[in-house]
Amino acid sequence: MKTVLALFIINHLCFYIFTEYFNGTMSKISGNTYLSVMGLGYSFIGFPLQLLIELLLIIGFSYQIFNVGKYQASMPLWLAFFASIALVIS
């Protein structure tokens, strides 16, 4: 469970970092083709890959909860997990 939660947190933080980076750079784009190509590359390659990783982590999380029955992880890890979910949702 600790590994699944840590991977969730890393995936959520990567998503948040990419989102903030592209929001900041796309607002200043004014004809810069490199940034637009980079944004298109992320939207066609990076985001689907990140979504696939998220779905695999959800399957692993469900397996840990329902089949293995292990909820054991430290409190800071659970708090960081829920904080990263709130960060992505907001």
N, C-alpha and C. Protein backbone atom coordinates (compact mmCIF):
# COMPACT_ATOMS: atom_id res chain seq x y z
N MET A 1 0.82 -1.19 0.00
CA MET A 1 0.00 0.00 0.00
C MET A 1 0.87 1.26 0.00
N LYS A 2 2.00 1.19 0.71
CA LYS A 2 2.87 2.36 0.77
C LYS A 2 3.39 2.73 -0.63
N THR A 3 3.74 1.73 -1.40
CA THR A 3 4.26 1.97 -2.75
C THR A 3 3.19 2.56 -3.65
N VAL A 4 1.98 2.02 -3.57
CA VAL A 4 0.88 2.52 -4.40
C VAL A 4 0.57 3.97 -4.04
N LEU A 5 0.52 4.28 -2.76
CA LEU A 5 0.25 5.67 -2.35
C LEU A 5 1.36 6.62 -2.79
N ALA A 6 2.60 6.18 -2.65
CA ALA A 6 3.71 7.03 -3.08
C ALA A 6 3.68 7.27 -4.59
N LEU A 7 3.36 6.24 -5.37
CA LEU A 7 3.26 6.42 -6.82
C LEU A 7 2.09 7.31 -7.21
N PHE A 8 0.98 7.20 -6.48
CA PHE A 8 -0.15 8.11 -6.70
C PHE A 8 0.29 9.56 -6.47
N ILE A 9 0.98 9.81 -5.38
CA ILE A 9 1.41 11.16 -5.04
C ILE A 9 2.34 11.70 -6.13
N ILE A 10 3.29 10.89 -6.57
CA ILE A 10 4.22 11.32 -7.61
C ILE A 10 3.47 11.61 -8.90
N ASN A 11 2.53 10.76 -9.27
CA ASN A 11 1.76 10.97 -10.50
C ASN A 11 0.92 12.24 -10.41
N HIS A 12 0.28 12.46 -9.27
CA HIS A 12 -0.53 13.66 -9.12
C HIS A 12 0.33 14.92 -9.15
N LEU A 13 1.50 14.88 -8.53
CA LEU A 13 2.37 16.04 -8.54
C LEU A 13 2.92 16.32 -9.94
N CYS A 14 3.24 15.27 -10.69
CA CYS A 14 3.68 15.46 -12.08
C CYS A 14 2.57 16.09 -12.91
N PHE A 15 1.35 15.62 -12.73
CA PHE A 15 0.22 16.20 -13.45
C PHE A 15 0.05 17.67 -13.09
N TYR A 16 0.14 17.99 -11.81
CA TYR A 16 -0.02 19.38 -11.37
C TYR A 16 1.10 20.27 -11.91
N ILE A 17 2.33 19.77 -11.88
CA ILE A 17 3.46 20.55 -12.38
C ILE A 17 3.32 20.82 -13.87
N PHE A 18 2.96 19.79 -14.65
CA PHE A 18 2.77 19.99 -16.09
C PHE A 18 1.63 20.96 -16.36
N THR A 19 0.56 20.84 -15.61
CA THR A 19 -0.58 21.73 -15.81
C THR A 19 -0.20 23.18 -15.53
N GLU A 20 0.46 23.42 -14.42
CA GLU A 20 0.86 24.78 -14.08
C GLU A 20 1.90 25.33 -15.07
N TYR A 21 2.82 24.48 -15.50
CA TYR A 21 3.83 24.91 -16.46
C TYR A 21 3.19 25.33 -17.78
N PHE A 22 2.27 24.49 -18.27
CA PHE A 22 1.65 24.81 -19.56
C PHE A 22 0.67 25.97 -19.45
N ASN A 23 0.00 26.10 -18.34
CA ASN A 23 -0.86 27.28 -18.16
C ASN A 23 -0.04 28.56 -18.16
N GLY A 24 1.12 28.52 -17.52
CA GLY A 24 1.97 29.70 -17.47
C GLY A 24 2.62 30.02 -18.81
N THR A 25 3.08 28.99 -19.51
CA THR A 25 3.76 29.24 -20.78
C THR A 25 2.78 29.52 -21.91
N MET A 26 1.63 28.92 -21.90
CA MET A 26 0.67 29.14 -22.98
C MET A 26 0.07 30.54 -22.91
N SER A 27 0.06 31.13 -21.72
CA SER A 27 -0.45 32.49 -21.63
C SER A 27 0.55 33.50 -22.22
N LYS A 28 1.83 33.10 -22.33
CA LYS A 28 2.87 33.98 -22.87
C LYS A 28 3.31 33.55 -24.27
N ILE A 29 2.53 32.73 -24.94
CA ILE A 29 3.02 32.07 -26.15
C ILE A 29 3.32 33.05 -27.29
N SER A 30 2.45 33.88 -27.66
CA SER A 30 2.60 34.93 -28.69
C SER A 30 3.47 34.50 -29.87
N GLY A 31 3.13 33.39 -30.49
CA GLY A 31 3.82 32.97 -31.70
C GLY A 31 5.00 32.05 -31.50
N ASN A 32 5.29 31.64 -30.30
CA ASN A 32 6.40 30.73 -30.05
C ASN A 32 5.98 29.32 -30.43
N THR A 33 6.50 28.80 -31.51
CA THR A 33 6.06 27.49 -32.00
C THR A 33 6.60 26.35 -31.16
N TYR A 34 7.77 26.53 -30.52
CA TYR A 34 8.34 25.47 -29.70
C TYR A 34 7.41 25.11 -28.55
N LEU A 35 6.85 26.13 -27.90
CA LEU A 35 5.96 25.88 -26.77
C LEU A 35 4.66 25.24 -27.23
N SER A 36 4.16 25.62 -28.39
CA SER A 36 2.92 25.03 -28.87
C SER A 36 3.15 23.57 -29.26
N VAL A 37 4.31 23.25 -29.85
CA VAL A 37 4.63 21.87 -30.18
C VAL A 37 4.81 21.05 -28.91
N MET A 38 5.44 21.65 -27.91
CA MET A 38 5.61 20.96 -26.63
C MET A 38 4.26 20.67 -25.97
N GLY A 39 3.35 21.63 -26.04
CA GLY A 39 2.01 21.44 -25.50
C GLY A 39 1.25 20.36 -26.24
N LEU A 40 1.37 20.33 -27.56
CA LEU A 40 0.72 19.29 -28.35
C LEU A 40 1.32 17.92 -28.06
N GLY A 41 2.64 17.88 -27.89
CA GLY A 41 3.28 16.61 -27.54
C GLY A 41 2.80 16.07 -26.21
N TYR A 42 2.66 16.96 -25.24
CA TYR A 42 2.15 16.51 -23.95
C TYR A 42 0.70 16.06 -24.05
N SER A 43 -0.09 16.79 -24.82
CA SER A 43 -1.51 16.44 -24.91
C SER A 43 -1.74 15.12 -25.64
N PHE A 44 -0.87 14.79 -26.60
CA PHE A 44 -1.06 13.55 -27.35
C PHE A 44 -0.27 12.37 -26.81
N ILE A 45 0.82 12.63 -26.10
CA ILE A 45 1.66 11.53 -25.59
C ILE A 45 1.67 11.51 -24.06
N GLY A 46 1.99 12.63 -23.46
CA GLY A 46 2.17 12.68 -22.01
C GLY A 46 0.91 12.46 -21.22
N PHE A 47 -0.16 13.16 -21.58
CA PHE A 47 -1.39 13.04 -20.81
C PHE A 47 -2.02 11.65 -20.91
N PRO A 48 -2.12 11.04 -22.12
CA PRO A 48 -2.67 9.68 -22.15
C PRO A 48 -1.82 8.68 -21.37
N LEU A 49 -0.50 8.86 -21.41
CA LEU A 49 0.38 7.98 -20.64
C LEU A 49 0.15 8.16 -19.15
N GLN A 50 0.01 9.40 -18.74
CA GLN A 50 -0.25 9.68 -17.33
C GLN A 50 -1.62 9.15 -16.90
N LEU A 51 -2.59 9.24 -17.78
CA LEU A 51 -3.92 8.70 -17.48
C LEU A 51 -3.88 7.18 -17.36
N LEU A 52 -3.11 6.53 -18.22
CA LEU A 52 -2.95 5.08 -18.13
C LEU A 52 -2.29 4.68 -16.82
N ILE A 53 -1.26 5.41 -16.42
CA ILE A 53 -0.61 5.14 -15.14
C ILE A 53 -1.60 5.32 -13.99
N GLU A 54 -2.42 6.38 -14.07
CA GLU A 54 -3.42 6.62 -13.02
C GLU A 54 -4.43 5.47 -12.93
N LEU A 55 -4.88 4.98 -14.07
CA LEU A 55 -5.82 3.86 -14.07
C LEU A 55 -5.19 2.60 -13.51
N LEU A 56 -3.93 2.34 -13.85
CA LEU A 56 -3.24 1.19 -13.29
C LEU A 56 -3.06 1.32 -11.78
N LEU A 57 -2.80 2.53 -11.32
CA LEU A 57 -2.67 2.74 -9.88
C LEU A 57 -4.01 2.58 -9.16
N ILE A 58 -5.10 2.98 -9.81
CA ILE A 58 -6.43 2.76 -9.22
C ILE A 58 -6.72 1.28 -9.11
N ILE A 59 -6.34 0.51 -10.12
CA ILE A 59 -6.53 -0.95 -10.06
C ILE A 59 -5.68 -1.54 -8.93
N GLY A 60 -4.43 -1.09 -8.82
CA GLY A 60 -3.56 -1.58 -7.74
C GLY A 60 -4.07 -1.18 -6.37
N PHE A 61 -4.60 0.03 -6.26
CA PHE A 61 -5.18 0.50 -5.00
C PHE A 61 -6.40 -0.34 -4.62
N SER A 62 -7.26 -0.59 -5.59
CA SER A 62 -8.45 -1.42 -5.34
C SER A 62 -8.06 -2.83 -4.95
N TYR A 63 -7.04 -3.38 -5.61
CA TYR A 63 -6.57 -4.72 -5.27
C TYR A 63 -6.05 -4.75 -3.83
N GLN A 64 -5.31 -3.74 -3.45
CA GLN A 64 -4.78 -3.69 -2.09
C GLN A 64 -5.89 -3.60 -1.05
N ILE A 65 -6.92 -2.84 -1.36
CA ILE A 65 -7.99 -2.65 -0.39
C ILE A 65 -8.91 -3.86 -0.32
N PHE A 66 -9.38 -4.34 -1.47
CA PHE A 66 -10.41 -5.37 -1.47
C PHE A 66 -9.87 -6.79 -1.39
N ASN A 67 -8.75 -7.09 -2.03
CA ASN A 67 -8.26 -8.47 -2.03
C ASN A 67 -7.23 -8.72 -0.94
N VAL A 68 -6.29 -7.84 -0.79
CA VAL A 68 -5.24 -8.04 0.21
C VAL A 68 -5.71 -7.59 1.58
N GLY A 69 -6.48 -6.51 1.61
CA GLY A 69 -7.00 -6.00 2.87
C GLY A 69 -5.98 -5.25 3.69
N LYS A 70 -4.98 -4.68 3.03
CA LYS A 70 -3.94 -3.93 3.75
C LYS A 70 -4.19 -2.45 3.59
N TYR A 71 -4.40 -1.80 4.72
CA TYR A 71 -4.57 -0.36 4.74
C TYR A 71 -3.38 0.30 5.41
N GLN A 72 -2.35 -0.48 5.73
CA GLN A 72 -1.27 0.02 6.55
C GLN A 72 -0.35 0.93 5.76
N ALA A 73 -0.36 2.16 6.15
CA ALA A 73 0.58 3.17 5.64
C ALA A 73 0.65 4.26 6.71
N SER A 74 1.72 4.99 6.70
CA SER A 74 1.87 6.02 7.72
C SER A 74 0.89 7.17 7.49
N MET A 75 0.58 7.86 8.55
CA MET A 75 -0.38 8.97 8.48
C MET A 75 0.09 10.09 7.54
N PRO A 76 1.38 10.47 7.56
CA PRO A 76 1.80 11.51 6.59
C PRO A 76 1.62 11.08 5.14
N LEU A 77 1.78 9.79 4.87
CA LEU A 77 1.59 9.30 3.50
C LEU A 77 0.13 9.39 3.08
N TRP A 78 -0.78 9.03 3.98
CA TRP A 78 -2.21 9.16 3.67
C TRP A 78 -2.60 10.63 3.50
N LEU A 79 -2.08 11.49 4.37
CA LEU A 79 -2.39 12.92 4.26
C LEU A 79 -1.87 13.51 2.95
N ALA A 80 -0.65 13.12 2.57
CA ALA A 80 -0.10 13.60 1.31
C ALA A 80 -0.89 13.06 0.12
N PHE A 81 -1.39 11.84 0.23
CA PHE A 81 -2.22 11.26 -0.82
C PHE A 81 -3.51 12.05 -1.00
N PHE A 82 -4.20 12.32 0.09
CA PHE A 82 -5.45 13.08 0.00
C PHE A 82 -5.21 14.54 -0.41
N ALA A 83 -4.08 15.10 0.02
CA ALA A 83 -3.73 16.46 -0.40
C ALA A 83 -3.44 16.51 -1.89
N SER A 84 -2.79 15.48 -2.42
CA SER A 84 -2.49 15.48 -3.86
C SER A 84 -3.77 15.30 -4.67
N ILE A 85 -4.73 14.55 -4.15
CA ILE A 85 -6.02 14.44 -4.84
C ILE A 85 -6.74 15.79 -4.84
N ALA A 86 -6.71 16.47 -3.70
CA ALA A 86 -7.34 17.80 -3.63
C ALA A 86 -6.64 18.79 -4.55
N LEU A 87 -5.32 18.68 -4.67
CA LEU A 87 -4.56 19.56 -5.55
C LEU A 87 -4.94 19.35 -7.02
N VAL A 88 -5.11 18.11 -7.41
CA VAL A 88 -5.47 17.81 -8.80
C VAL A 88 -6.91 18.24 -9.08
N ILE A 89 -7.79 18.04 -8.14
CA ILE A 89 -9.20 18.38 -8.36
C ILE A 89 -9.39 19.90 -8.43
N SER A 90 -8.65 20.65 -7.64
CA SER A 90 -8.84 22.11 -7.60
C SER A 90 -8.28 22.82 -8.81
